[in-house]
Amino acid sequence: MLCPIDIILNENPVPIRERMPGLEKNLAAVIDKALVRNPKDRFTDAGKLLASLSKRKP
């Protein structure tokens, strides 16, 4: 069994909608992008994360 730290460092995160199927699709996409393993594929700064959250339709 892997240690939780090993999982965090070495495994890809589980898509949020697998854990919370009822979560709104656009919010799930923002969360998944924020948690992606490769830093180049994440938001480059907090302002871009905020902008993505602000663009979501309620």
PDB file of N, CA and C in Angstrom:
ATOM      1  N   MET A   1       0.845  -1.193   0.000  1.00  0.00           N
ATOM      2  CA  MET A   1       0.000   0.000   0.000  1.00  0.00           C
ATOM      3  C   MET A   1       0.890   1.255   0.000  1.00  0.00           C
ATOM      4  N   LEU A   2       0.528   2.187  -0.850  1.00  0.00           N
ATOM      5  CA  LEU A   2       1.314   3.423  -0.941  1.00  0.00           C
ATOM      6  C   LEU A   2       0.965   4.386   0.186  1.00  0.00           C
ATOM      7  N   CYS A   3       1.947   5.100   0.608  1.00  0.00           N
ATOM      8  CA  CYS A   3       1.775   6.169   1.593  1.00  0.00           C
ATOM      9  C   CYS A   3       1.026   7.319   0.915  1.00  0.00           C
ATOM     10  N   PRO A   4       0.159   8.029   1.644  1.00  0.00           N
ATOM     11  CA  PRO A   4      -0.575   9.155   1.023  1.00  0.00           C
ATOM     12  C   PRO A   4       0.329  10.177   0.345  1.00  0.00           C
ATOM     13  N   ILE A   5       1.488  10.436   0.916  1.00  0.00           N
ATOM     14  CA  ILE A   5       2.422  11.395   0.302  1.00  0.00           C
ATOM     15  C   ILE A   5       2.912  10.859  -1.044  1.00  0.00           C
ATOM     16  N   ASP A   6       3.201   9.558  -1.124  1.00  0.00           N
ATOM     17  CA  ASP A   6       3.619   8.966  -2.398  1.00  0.00           C
ATOM     18  C   ASP A   6       2.526   9.091  -3.445  1.00  0.00           C
ATOM     19  N   ILE A   7       1.293   8.904  -3.038  1.00  0.00           N
ATOM     20  CA  ILE A   7       0.161   9.030  -3.969  1.00  0.00           C
ATOM     21  C   ILE A   7       0.072  10.459  -4.488  1.00  0.00           C
ATOM     22  N   ILE A   8       0.173  11.420  -3.591  1.00  0.00           N
ATOM     23  CA  ILE A   8       0.088  12.834  -3.991  1.00  0.00           C
ATOM     24  C   ILE A   8       1.209  13.186  -4.958  1.00  0.00           C
ATOM     25  N   LEU A   9       2.400  12.692  -4.690  1.00  0.00           N
ATOM     26  CA  LEU A   9       3.554  13.047  -5.511  1.00  0.00           C
ATOM     27  C   LEU A   9       3.650  12.279  -6.819  1.00  0.00           C
ATOM     28  N   ASN A  10       3.064  11.082  -6.875  1.00  0.00           N
ATOM     29  CA  ASN A  10       3.320  10.216  -8.021  1.00  0.00           C
ATOM     30  C   ASN A  10       2.098   9.804  -8.835  1.00  0.00           C
ATOM     31  N   GLU A  11       0.921  10.030  -8.355  1.00  0.00           N
ATOM     32  CA  GLU A  11      -0.286   9.601  -9.053  1.00  0.00           C
ATOM     33  C   GLU A  11      -1.062  10.810  -9.592  1.00  0.00           C
ATOM     34  N   ASN A  12      -1.799  10.598 -10.672  1.00  0.00           N
ATOM     35  CA  ASN A  12      -2.669  11.646 -11.180  1.00  0.00           C
ATOM     36  C   ASN A  12      -3.897  11.748 -10.278  1.00  0.00           C
ATOM     37  N   PRO A  13      -4.392  12.953 -10.048  1.00  0.00           N
ATOM     38  CA  PRO A  13      -5.574  13.085  -9.203  1.00  0.00           C
ATOM     39  C   PRO A  13      -6.813  12.481  -9.867  1.00  0.00           C
ATOM     40  N   VAL A  14      -7.692  11.967  -9.046  1.00  0.00           N
ATOM     41  CA  VAL A  14      -8.959  11.428  -9.535  1.00  0.00           C
ATOM     42  C   VAL A  14      -9.829  12.614  -9.948  1.00  0.00           C
ATOM     43  N   PRO A  15     -10.438  12.583 -11.137  1.00  0.00           N
ATOM     44  CA  PRO A  15     -11.331  13.688 -11.521  1.00  0.00           C
ATOM     45  C   PRO A  15     -12.406  13.903 -10.448  1.00  0.00           C
ATOM     46  N   ILE A  16     -12.644  15.135 -10.111  1.00  0.00           N
ATOM     47  CA  ILE A  16     -13.531  15.487  -8.999  1.00  0.00           C
ATOM     48  C   ILE A  16     -14.942  14.916  -9.173  1.00  0.00           C
ATOM     49  N   ARG A  17     -15.417  14.819 -10.408  1.00  0.00           N
ATOM     50  CA  ARG A  17     -16.777  14.304 -10.616  1.00  0.00           C
ATOM     51  C   ARG A  17     -16.875  12.803 -10.358  1.00  0.00           C
ATOM     52  N   GLU A  18     -15.737  12.110 -10.309  1.00  0.00           N
ATOM     53  CA  GLU A  18     -15.767  10.701  -9.900  1.00  0.00           C
ATOM     54  C   GLU A  18     -16.048  10.600  -8.408  1.00  0.00           C
ATOM     55  N   ARG A  19     -15.610  11.584  -7.662  1.00  0.00           N
ATOM     56  CA  ARG A  19     -15.844  11.605  -6.214  1.00  0.00           C
ATOM     57  C   ARG A  19     -17.153  12.304  -5.870  1.00  0.00           C
ATOM     58  N   MET A  20     -17.534  13.273  -6.675  1.00  0.00           N
ATOM     59  CA  MET A  20     -18.753  14.057  -6.450  1.00  0.00           C
ATOM     60  C   MET A  20     -19.518  14.162  -7.759  1.00  0.00           C
ATOM     61  N   PRO A  21     -20.236  13.117  -8.167  1.00  0.00           N
ATOM     62  CA  PRO A  21     -20.895  13.099  -9.480  1.00  0.00           C
ATOM     63  C   PRO A  21     -21.899  14.239  -9.695  1.00  0.00           C
ATOM     64  N   GLY A  22     -22.460  14.767  -8.654  1.00  0.00           N
ATOM     65  CA  GLY A  22     -23.446  15.829  -8.798  1.00  0.00           C
ATOM     66  C   GLY A  22     -22.865  17.219  -8.952  1.00  0.00           C
ATOM     67  N   LEU A  23     -21.554  17.331  -8.874  1.00  0.00           N
ATOM     68  CA  LEU A  23     -20.909  18.639  -8.977  1.00  0.00           C
ATOM     69  C   LEU A  23     -21.098  19.213 -10.375  1.00  0.00           C
ATOM     70  N   GLU A  24     -21.405  20.485 -10.432  1.00  0.00           N
ATOM     71  CA  GLU A  24     -21.638  21.179 -11.706  1.00  0.00           C
ATOM     72  C   GLU A  24     -20.411  21.027 -12.610  1.00  0.00           C
ATOM     73  N   LYS A  25     -20.663  20.729 -13.877  1.00  0.00           N
ATOM     74  CA  LYS A  25     -19.617  20.393 -14.850  1.00  0.00           C
ATOM     75  C   LYS A  25     -18.546  21.477 -14.983  1.00  0.00           C
ATOM     76  N   ASN A  26     -18.949  22.738 -15.082  1.00  0.00           N
ATOM     77  CA  ASN A  26     -17.976  23.825 -15.274  1.00  0.00           C
ATOM     78  C   ASN A  26     -17.102  24.022 -14.038  1.00  0.00           C
ATOM     79  N   LEU A  27     -17.684  23.894 -12.855  1.00  0.00           N
ATOM     80  CA  LEU A  27     -16.898  24.005 -11.629  1.00  0.00           C
ATOM     81  C   LEU A  27     -15.917  22.838 -11.537  1.00  0.00           C
ATOM     82  N   ALA A  28     -16.368  21.653 -11.892  1.00  0.00           N
ATOM     83  CA  ALA A  28     -15.495  20.478 -11.872  1.00  0.00           C
ATOM     84  C   ALA A  28     -14.298  20.680 -12.804  1.00  0.00           C
ATOM     85  N   ALA A  29     -14.518  21.280 -13.949  1.00  0.00           N
ATOM     86  CA  ALA A  29     -13.422  21.521 -14.902  1.00  0.00           C
ATOM     87  C   ALA A  29     -12.377  22.467 -14.302  1.00  0.00           C
ATOM     88  N   VAL A  30     -12.825  23.483 -13.586  1.00  0.00           N
ATOM     89  CA  VAL A  30     -11.902  24.427 -12.948  1.00  0.00           C
ATOM     90  C   VAL A  30     -11.103  23.711 -11.863  1.00  0.00           C
ATOM     91  N   ILE A  31     -11.776  22.928 -11.045  1.00  0.00           N
ATOM     92  CA  ILE A  31     -11.098  22.196  -9.968  1.00  0.00           C
ATOM     93  C   ILE A  31     -10.085  21.213 -10.550  1.00  0.00           C
ATOM     94  N   ASP A  32     -10.504  20.467 -11.567  1.00  0.00           N
ATOM     95  CA  ASP A  32      -9.593  19.500 -12.179  1.00  0.00           C
ATOM     96  C   ASP A  32      -8.357  20.186 -12.758  1.00  0.00           C
ATOM     97  N   LYS A  33      -8.552  21.336 -13.379  1.00  0.00           N
ATOM     98  CA  LYS A  33      -7.399  22.054 -13.939  1.00  0.00           C
ATOM     99  C   LYS A  33      -6.475  22.547 -12.822  1.00  0.00           C
ATOM    100  N   ALA A  34      -7.037  22.970 -11.712  1.00  0.00           N
ATOM    101  CA  ALA A  34      -6.218  23.446 -10.593  1.00  0.00           C
ATOM    102  C   ALA A  34      -5.400  22.317  -9.972  1.00  0.00           C
ATOM    103  N   LEU A  35      -5.892  21.091 -10.082  1.00  0.00           N
ATOM    104  CA  LEU A  35      -5.227  19.953  -9.443  1.00  0.00           C
ATOM    105  C   LEU A  35      -4.366  19.116 -10.375  1.00  0.00           C
ATOM    106  N   VAL A  36      -4.341  19.463 -11.654  1.00  0.00           N
ATOM    107  CA  VAL A  36      -3.583  18.658 -12.614  1.00  0.00           C
ATOM    108  C   VAL A  36      -2.123  18.543 -12.171  1.00  0.00           C
ATOM    109  N   ARG A  37      -1.549  17.420 -12.431  1.00  0.00           N
ATOM    110  CA  ARG A  37      -0.201  17.112 -11.947  1.00  0.00           C
ATOM    111  C   ARG A  37       0.893  17.985 -12.583  1.00  0.00           C
ATOM    112  N   ASN A  38       0.822  18.199 -13.880  1.00  0.00           N
ATOM    113  CA  ASN A  38       1.846  18.978 -14.583  1.00  0.00           C
ATOM    114  C   ASN A  38       1.587  20.477 -14.375  1.00  0.00           C
ATOM    115  N   PRO A  39       2.517  21.181 -13.729  1.00  0.00           N
ATOM    116  CA  PRO A  39       2.320  22.617 -13.479  1.00  0.00           C
ATOM    117  C   PRO A  39       2.064  23.442 -14.739  1.00  0.00           C
ATOM    118  N   LYS A  40       2.598  23.013 -15.878  1.00  0.00           N
ATOM    119  CA  LYS A  40       2.396  23.752 -17.124  1.00  0.00           C
ATOM    120  C   LYS A  40       0.934  23.705 -17.581  1.00  0.00           C
ATOM    121  N   ASP A  41       0.190  22.717 -17.094  1.00  0.00           N
ATOM    122  CA  ASP A  41      -1.212  22.568 -17.486  1.00  0.00           C
ATOM    123  C   ASP A  41      -2.172  23.203 -16.487  1.00  0.00           C
ATOM    124  N   ARG A  42      -1.650  23.702 -15.369  1.00  0.00           N
ATOM    125  CA  ARG A  42      -2.484  24.352 -14.339  1.00  0.00           C
ATOM    126  C   ARG A  42      -2.657  25.834 -14.660  1.00  0.00           C
ATOM    127  N   PHE A  43      -3.441  26.503 -13.838  1.00  0.00           N
ATOM    128  CA  PHE A  43      -3.555  27.961 -13.935  1.00  0.00           C
ATOM    129  C   PHE A  43      -2.191  28.550 -13.621  1.00  0.00           C
ATOM    130  N   THR A  44      -1.794  29.567 -14.360  1.00  0.00           N
ATOM    131  CA  THR A  44      -0.472  30.149 -14.155  1.00  0.00           C
ATOM    132  C   THR A  44      -0.419  31.094 -12.970  1.00  0.00           C
ATOM    133  N   ASP A  45      -1.577  31.578 -12.544  1.00  0.00           N
ATOM    134  CA  ASP A  45      -1.612  32.432 -11.361  1.00  0.00           C
ATOM    135  C   ASP A  45      -3.033  32.457 -10.789  1.00  0.00           C
ATOM    136  N   ALA A  46      -3.148  32.994  -9.595  1.00  0.00           N
ATOM    137  CA  ALA A  46      -4.441  33.015  -8.907  1.00  0.00           C
ATOM    138  C   ALA A  46      -5.465  33.870  -9.659  1.00  0.00           C
ATOM    139  N   GLY A  47      -5.003  34.885 -10.356  1.00  0.00           N
ATOM    140  CA  GLY A  47      -5.916  35.733 -11.120  1.00  0.00           C
ATOM    141  C   GLY A  47      -6.628  34.956 -12.220  1.00  0.00           C
ATOM    142  N   LYS A  48      -5.917  34.058 -12.879  1.00  0.00           N
ATOM    143  CA  LYS A  48      -6.532  33.244 -13.938  1.00  0.00           C
ATOM    144  C   LYS A  48      -7.501  32.225 -13.345  1.00  0.00           C
ATOM    145  N   LEU A  49      -7.171  31.699 -12.182  1.00  0.00           N
ATOM    146  CA  LEU A  49      -8.100  30.806 -11.489  1.00  0.00           C
ATOM    147  C   LEU A  49      -9.367  31.569 -11.131  1.00  0.00           C
ATOM    148  N   LEU A  50      -9.218  32.748 -10.581  1.00  0.00           N
ATOM    149  CA  LEU A  50     -10.366  33.581 -10.223  1.00  0.00           C
ATOM    150  C   LEU A  50     -11.196  33.929 -11.457  1.00  0.00           C
ATOM    151  N   ALA A  51     -10.545  34.258 -12.549  1.00  0.00           N
ATOM    152  CA  ALA A  51     -11.267  34.588 -13.781  1.00  0.00           C
ATOM    153  C   ALA A  51     -12.076  33.395 -14.257  1.00  0.00           C
ATOM    154  N   SER A  52     -11.514  32.191 -14.179  1.00  0.00           N
ATOM    155  CA  SER A  52     -12.256  30.995 -14.594  1.00  0.00           C
ATOM    156  C   SER A  52     -13.452  30.744 -13.685  1.00  0.00           C
ATOM    157  N   LEU A  53     -13.276  30.962 -12.411  1.00  0.00           N
ATOM    158  CA  LEU A  53     -14.384  30.796 -11.477  1.00  0.00           C
ATOM    159  C   LEU A  53     -15.472  31.839 -11.732  1.00  0.00           C
ATOM    160  N   SER A  54     -15.051  33.055 -12.074  1.00  0.00           N
ATOM    161  CA  SER A  54     -16.008  34.139 -12.315  1.00  0.00           C
ATOM    162  C   SER A  54     -16.810  33.942 -13.603  1.00  0.00           C
ATOM    163  N   LYS A  55     -16.233  33.258 -14.580  1.00  0.00           N
ATOM    164  CA  LYS A  55     -16.901  33.020 -15.857  1.00  0.00           C
ATOM    165  C   LYS A  55     -17.987  31.952 -15.785  1.00  0.00           C
ATOM    166  N   ARG A  56     -17.937  31.138 -14.738  1.00  0.00           N
ATOM    167  CA  ARG A  56     -18.920  30.055 -14.608  1.00  0.00           C
ATOM    168  C   ARG A  56     -20.326  30.622 -14.534  1.00  0.00           C
ATOM    169  N   LYS A  57     -21.230  29.919 -15.167  1.00  0.00           N
ATOM    170  CA  LYS A  57     -22.631  30.325 -15.102  1.00  0.00           C
ATOM    171  C   LYS A  57     -23.241  29.682 -13.855  1.00  0.00           C
ATOM    172  N   PRO A  58     -23.975  30.476 -13.064  1.00  0.00           N
ATOM    173  CA  PRO A  58     -24.595  29.911 -11.847  1.00  0.00           C
ATOM    174  C   PRO A  58     -25.626  28.843 -12.138  1.00  0.00           C
TER     175      PRO A  58
END
